[in-house]
Amino acid sequence: MSGEHHQEPGRTGGPSRERCEDSSRAARPGGELDALQRRLADFAAARRWQPFHTPKNLAVALSVEASELVEIFQWLTPEESARVMDSPGTAGRVEDEVADVLAYLLQFCQVLGIDAAAALAAKIERNEHRFPVPEESTPDSPIRHSPE
């Protein structure tokens, strides 16, 4: 990632797989997301990165990190992509990129005053109304979904 400074604001070091699994259980919508946002804000403030954390810069950084996640899967078959977490090295890369994407998304939301959990809950609600389950659906029949 390039930018006005050499350190990467969203990167705080890759967690071990065990730590990631433990923290995922704790990271529930609401208070835990708020705590992670505060931790990220404190991390950036201690390094005086706030001037760089504009909505535009955070959106660009989020896109870059999402692209780095996509890059891991770029040439994999669907079957290979389903097994990506079987390799410790690749699993660590995926977890790091997921963490980077989430870190930038949470920072982006904080800067703009968006409650990420509430926004997601509202979007799920809208999608449940927009895309009702067809009555003729069976568990084995795939249902095409929108690209959203």
C-alpha atoms as a PDB file:
ATOM      1  CA  MET A   1       0.000   0.000   0.000  1.00  0.00           C
ATOM      2  CA  SER A   2       1.394   3.390  -0.877  1.00  0.00           C
ATOM      3  CA  GLY A   3       0.554   6.738   0.639  1.00  0.00           C
ATOM      4  CA  GLU A   4       1.896   9.917   2.147  1.00  0.00           C
ATOM      5  CA  HIS A   5       3.687   7.942   4.853  1.00  0.00           C
ATOM      6  CA  HIS A   6       5.560   4.669   4.883  1.00  0.00           C
ATOM      7  CA  GLN A   7       3.636   2.897   7.606  1.00  0.00           C
ATOM      8  CA  GLU A   8       0.288   1.375   6.816  1.00  0.00           C
ATOM      9  CA  PRO A   9      -2.511   2.721   9.011  1.00  0.00           C
ATOM     10  CA  GLY A  10      -4.743  -0.344   8.761  1.00  0.00           C
ATOM     11  CA  ARG A  11      -2.039  -2.867   9.499  1.00  0.00           C
ATOM     12  CA  THR A  12      -1.347  -3.637  13.128  1.00  0.00           C
ATOM     13  CA  GLY A  13       0.337  -6.996  12.595  1.00  0.00           C
ATOM     14  CA  GLY A  14      -1.208 -10.308  11.656  1.00  0.00           C
ATOM     15  CA  PRO A  15      -2.923 -12.216  14.435  1.00  0.00           C
ATOM     16  CA  SER A  16      -2.286 -15.862  14.938  1.00  0.00           C
ATOM     17  CA  ARG A  17      -5.063 -18.119  13.728  1.00  0.00           C
ATOM     18  CA  GLU A  18      -6.025 -18.988  17.311  1.00  0.00           C
ATOM     19  CA  ARG A  19      -6.204 -15.320  18.317  1.00  0.00           C
ATOM     20  CA  CYS A  20      -8.269 -14.523  15.226  1.00  0.00           C
ATOM     21  CA  GLU A  21     -10.747 -17.275  16.032  1.00  0.00           C
ATOM     22  CA  ASP A  22     -10.989 -16.130  19.664  1.00  0.00           C
ATOM     23  CA  SER A  23     -11.524 -12.496  18.693  1.00  0.00           C
ATOM     24  CA  SER A  24     -14.132 -13.421  16.072  1.00  0.00           C
ATOM     25  CA  ARG A  25     -16.285 -14.904  18.826  1.00  0.00           C
ATOM     26  CA  ALA A  26     -15.965 -11.648  20.776  1.00  0.00           C
ATOM     27  CA  ALA A  27     -16.522  -9.312  17.797  1.00  0.00           C
ATOM     28  CA  ARG A  28     -20.305  -9.189  17.866  1.00  0.00           C
ATOM     29  CA  PRO A  29     -22.255  -6.233  16.445  1.00  0.00           C
ATOM     30  CA  GLY A  30     -22.656  -3.348  18.836  1.00  0.00           C
ATOM     31  CA  GLY A  31     -20.287  -2.931  21.739  1.00  0.00           C
ATOM     32  CA  GLU A  32     -17.482  -5.088  20.414  1.00  0.00           C
ATOM     33  CA  LEU A  33     -17.423  -3.330  17.033  1.00  0.00           C
ATOM     34  CA  ASP A  34     -17.409  -0.010  18.896  1.00  0.00           C
ATOM     35  CA  ALA A  35     -14.472  -1.212  20.984  1.00  0.00           C
ATOM     36  CA  LEU A  36     -12.561  -2.229  17.852  1.00  0.00           C
ATOM     37  CA  GLN A  37     -13.290   1.165  16.274  1.00  0.00           C
ATOM     38  CA  ARG A  38     -11.992   2.935  19.385  1.00  0.00           C
ATOM     39  CA  ARG A  39      -8.880   0.773  19.356  1.00  0.00           C
ATOM     40  CA  LEU A  40      -8.240   1.598  15.694  1.00  0.00           C
ATOM     41  CA  ALA A  41      -8.822   5.314  16.369  1.00  0.00           C
ATOM     42  CA  ASP A  42      -6.417   5.223  19.315  1.00  0.00           C
ATOM     43  CA  PHE A  43      -3.845   3.363  17.181  1.00  0.00           C
ATOM     44  CA  ALA A  44      -4.084   6.025  14.438  1.00  0.00           C
ATOM     45  CA  ALA A  45      -4.101   8.926  16.911  1.00  0.00           C
ATOM     46  CA  ALA A  46      -0.968   7.701  18.677  1.00  0.00           C
ATOM     47  CA  ARG A  47       0.811   7.792  15.304  1.00  0.00           C
ATOM     48  CA  ARG A  48      -0.793  11.113  14.258  1.00  0.00           C
ATOM     49  CA  TRP A  49      -2.415   9.538  11.193  1.00  0.00           C
ATOM     50  CA  GLN A  50      -5.779  11.340  11.512  1.00  0.00           C
ATOM     51  CA  PRO A  51      -4.947  13.884   8.750  1.00  0.00           C
ATOM     52  CA  PHE A  52      -4.649  10.958   6.328  1.00  0.00           C
ATOM     53  CA  HIS A  53      -7.874   9.286   7.458  1.00  0.00           C
ATOM     54  CA  THR A  54     -10.245  11.218   5.229  1.00  0.00           C
ATOM     55  CA  PRO A  55     -13.293   9.441   3.792  1.00  0.00           C
ATOM     56  CA  LYS A  56     -11.652   9.449   0.342  1.00  0.00           C
ATOM     57  CA  ASN A  57      -8.349   8.013   1.571  1.00  0.00           C
ATOM     58  CA  LEU A  58     -10.067   5.366   3.681  1.00  0.00           C
ATOM     59  CA  ALA A  59     -12.357   4.360   0.779  1.00  0.00           C
ATOM     60  CA  VAL A  60      -9.320   4.031  -1.497  1.00  0.00           C
ATOM     61  CA  ALA A  61      -7.405   2.027   1.126  1.00  0.00           C
ATOM     62  CA  LEU A  62     -10.451  -0.210   1.628  1.00  0.00           C
ATOM     63  CA  SER A  63     -10.594  -0.860  -2.114  1.00  0.00           C
ATOM     64  CA  VAL A  64      -6.871  -1.655  -2.249  1.00  0.00           C
ATOM     65  CA  GLU A  65      -7.132  -4.109   0.631  1.00  0.00           C
ATOM     66  CA  ALA A  66     -10.230  -5.753  -0.884  1.00  0.00           C
ATOM     67  CA  SER A  67      -8.238  -6.125  -4.115  1.00  0.00           C
ATOM     68  CA  GLU A  68      -5.412  -7.780  -2.191  1.00  0.00           C
ATOM     69  CA  LEU A  69      -7.956 -10.276  -0.854  1.00  0.00           C
ATOM     70  CA  VAL A  70      -9.290 -10.885  -4.373  1.00  0.00           C
ATOM     71  CA  GLU A  71      -5.730 -11.416  -5.621  1.00  0.00           C
ATOM     72  CA  ILE A  72      -5.357 -14.497  -3.407  1.00  0.00           C
ATOM     73  CA  PHE A  73      -8.323 -16.098  -5.195  1.00  0.00           C
ATOM     74  CA  GLN A  74      -7.688 -14.695  -8.669  1.00  0.00           C
ATOM     75  CA  TRP A  75      -6.628 -17.852 -10.533  1.00  0.00           C
ATOM     76  CA  LEU A  76      -8.090 -20.494  -8.251  1.00  0.00           C
ATOM     77  CA  THR A  77     -10.818 -22.827  -9.380  1.00  0.00           C
ATOM     78  CA  PRO A  78     -14.039 -22.762  -7.338  1.00  0.00           C
ATOM     79  CA  GLU A  79     -12.915 -26.016  -5.686  1.00  0.00           C
ATOM     80  CA  GLU A  80      -9.472 -24.621  -4.821  1.00  0.00           C
ATOM     81  CA  SER A  81     -11.021 -21.443  -3.437  1.00  0.00           C
ATOM     82  CA  ALA A  82     -13.273 -23.518  -1.155  1.00  0.00           C
ATOM     83  CA  ARG A  83     -10.139 -25.137   0.330  1.00  0.00           C
ATOM     84  CA  VAL A  84      -8.058 -21.973   0.690  1.00  0.00           C
ATOM     85  CA  MET A  85      -8.107 -22.112   4.500  1.00  0.00           C
ATOM     86  CA  ASP A  86      -6.592 -25.629   4.481  1.00  0.00           C
ATOM     87  CA  SER A  87      -3.111 -24.209   3.852  1.00  0.00           C
ATOM     88  CA  PRO A  88      -1.728 -22.402   6.923  1.00  0.00           C
ATOM     89  CA  GLY A  89       0.260 -19.949   4.793  1.00  0.00           C
ATOM     90  CA  THR A  90      -2.656 -19.027   2.571  1.00  0.00           C
ATOM     91  CA  ALA A  91      -5.071 -19.019   5.508  1.00  0.00           C
ATOM     92  CA  GLY A  92      -2.855 -16.478   7.259  1.00  0.00           C
ATOM     93  CA  ARG A  93      -2.806 -14.255   4.171  1.00  0.00           C
ATOM     94  CA  VAL A  94      -6.611 -14.443   3.852  1.00  0.00           C
ATOM     95  CA  GLU A  95      -7.077 -13.606   7.538  1.00  0.00           C
ATOM     96  CA  ASP A  96      -4.655 -10.673   7.293  1.00  0.00           C
ATOM     97  CA  GLU A  97      -6.452  -9.240   4.265  1.00  0.00           C
ATOM     98  CA  VAL A  98      -9.866  -9.740   5.874  1.00  0.00           C
ATOM     99  CA  ALA A  99      -8.549  -7.914   8.951  1.00  0.00           C
ATOM    100  CA  ASP A 100      -7.217  -5.072   6.776  1.00  0.00           C
ATOM    101  CA  VAL A 101     -10.544  -4.743   4.940  1.00  0.00           C
ATOM    102  CA  LEU A 102     -12.473  -4.734   8.215  1.00  0.00           C
ATOM    103  CA  ALA A 103     -10.064  -2.252   9.811  1.00  0.00           C
ATOM    104  CA  TYR A 104     -10.434   0.238   6.977  1.00  0.00           C
ATOM    105  CA  LEU A 105     -14.207  -0.289   6.817  1.00  0.00           C
ATOM    106  CA  LEU A 106     -14.566   0.379  10.549  1.00  0.00           C
ATOM    107  CA  GLN A 107     -12.351   3.466  10.313  1.00  0.00           C
ATOM    108  CA  PHE A 108     -14.342   4.682   7.297  1.00  0.00           C
ATOM    109  CA  CYS A 109     -17.598   4.228   9.216  1.00  0.00           C
ATOM    110  CA  GLN A 110     -16.242   6.014  12.252  1.00  0.00           C
ATOM    111  CA  VAL A 111     -15.057   9.029  10.241  1.00  0.00           C
ATOM    112  CA  LEU A 112     -18.484   9.349   8.575  1.00  0.00           C
ATOM    113  CA  GLY A 113     -20.513   8.527  11.708  1.00  0.00           C
ATOM    114  CA  ILE A 114     -21.986   5.327  10.254  1.00  0.00           C
ATOM    115  CA  ASP A 115     -23.097   2.608  12.660  1.00  0.00           C
ATOM    116  CA  ALA A 116     -21.837  -0.393  10.664  1.00  0.00           C
ATOM    117  CA  ALA A 117     -23.922  -2.975  12.521  1.00  0.00           C
ATOM    118  CA  ALA A 118     -27.107  -0.906  12.163  1.00  0.00           C
ATOM    119  CA  ALA A 119     -26.397  -0.227   8.473  1.00  0.00           C
ATOM    120  CA  LEU A 120     -25.911  -3.938   7.829  1.00  0.00           C
ATOM    121  CA  ALA A 121     -29.061  -4.884   9.742  1.00  0.00           C
ATOM    122  CA  ALA A 122     -31.064  -2.337   7.728  1.00  0.00           C
ATOM    123  CA  LYS A 123     -29.600  -3.619   4.444  1.00  0.00           C
ATOM    124  CA  ILE A 124     -30.440  -7.229   5.322  1.00  0.00           C
ATOM    125  CA  GLU A 125     -33.994  -6.121   6.154  1.00  0.00           C
ATOM    126  CA  ARG A 126     -34.336  -4.332   2.799  1.00  0.00           C
ATOM    127  CA  ASN A 127     -32.930  -7.356   0.939  1.00  0.00           C
ATOM    128  CA  GLU A 128     -35.329  -9.728   2.718  1.00  0.00           C
ATOM    129  CA  HIS A 129     -38.208  -7.652   1.346  1.00  0.00           C
ATOM    130  CA  ARG A 130     -36.602  -7.094  -2.046  1.00  0.00           C
ATOM    131  CA  PHE A 131     -35.694 -10.749  -2.596  1.00  0.00           C
ATOM    132  CA  PRO A 132     -38.351 -12.913  -0.931  1.00  0.00           C
ATOM    133  CA  VAL A 133     -37.824 -16.666  -0.874  1.00  0.00           C
ATOM    134  CA  PRO A 134     -39.790 -18.182  -3.769  1.00  0.00           C
ATOM    135  CA  GLU A 135     -42.544 -20.523  -2.620  1.00  0.00           C
ATOM    136  CA  GLU A 136     -41.465 -23.284  -5.031  1.00  0.00           C
ATOM    137  CA  SER A 137     -37.932 -23.226  -3.635  1.00  0.00           C
ATOM    138  CA  THR A 138     -36.395 -26.431  -2.302  1.00  0.00           C
ATOM    139  CA  PRO A 139     -33.180 -26.721  -0.313  1.00  0.00           C
ATOM    140  CA  ASP A 140     -31.436 -28.313  -3.316  1.00  0.00           C
ATOM    141  CA  SER A 141     -32.520 -25.814  -5.970  1.00  0.00           C
ATOM    142  CA  PRO A 142     -30.149 -22.865  -6.322  1.00  0.00           C
ATOM    143  CA  ILE A 143     -31.714 -19.433  -6.420  1.00  0.00           C
ATOM    144  CA  ARG A 144     -30.016 -16.797  -8.525  1.00  0.00           C
ATOM    145  CA  HIS A 145     -29.259 -13.675  -6.574  1.00  0.00           C
ATOM    146  CA  SER A 146     -28.462 -10.120  -7.560  1.00  0.00           C
ATOM    147  CA  PRO A 147     -24.867  -8.937  -7.934  1.00  0.00           C
ATOM    148  CA  GLU A 148     -25.262  -6.662  -4.876  1.00  0.00           C
END
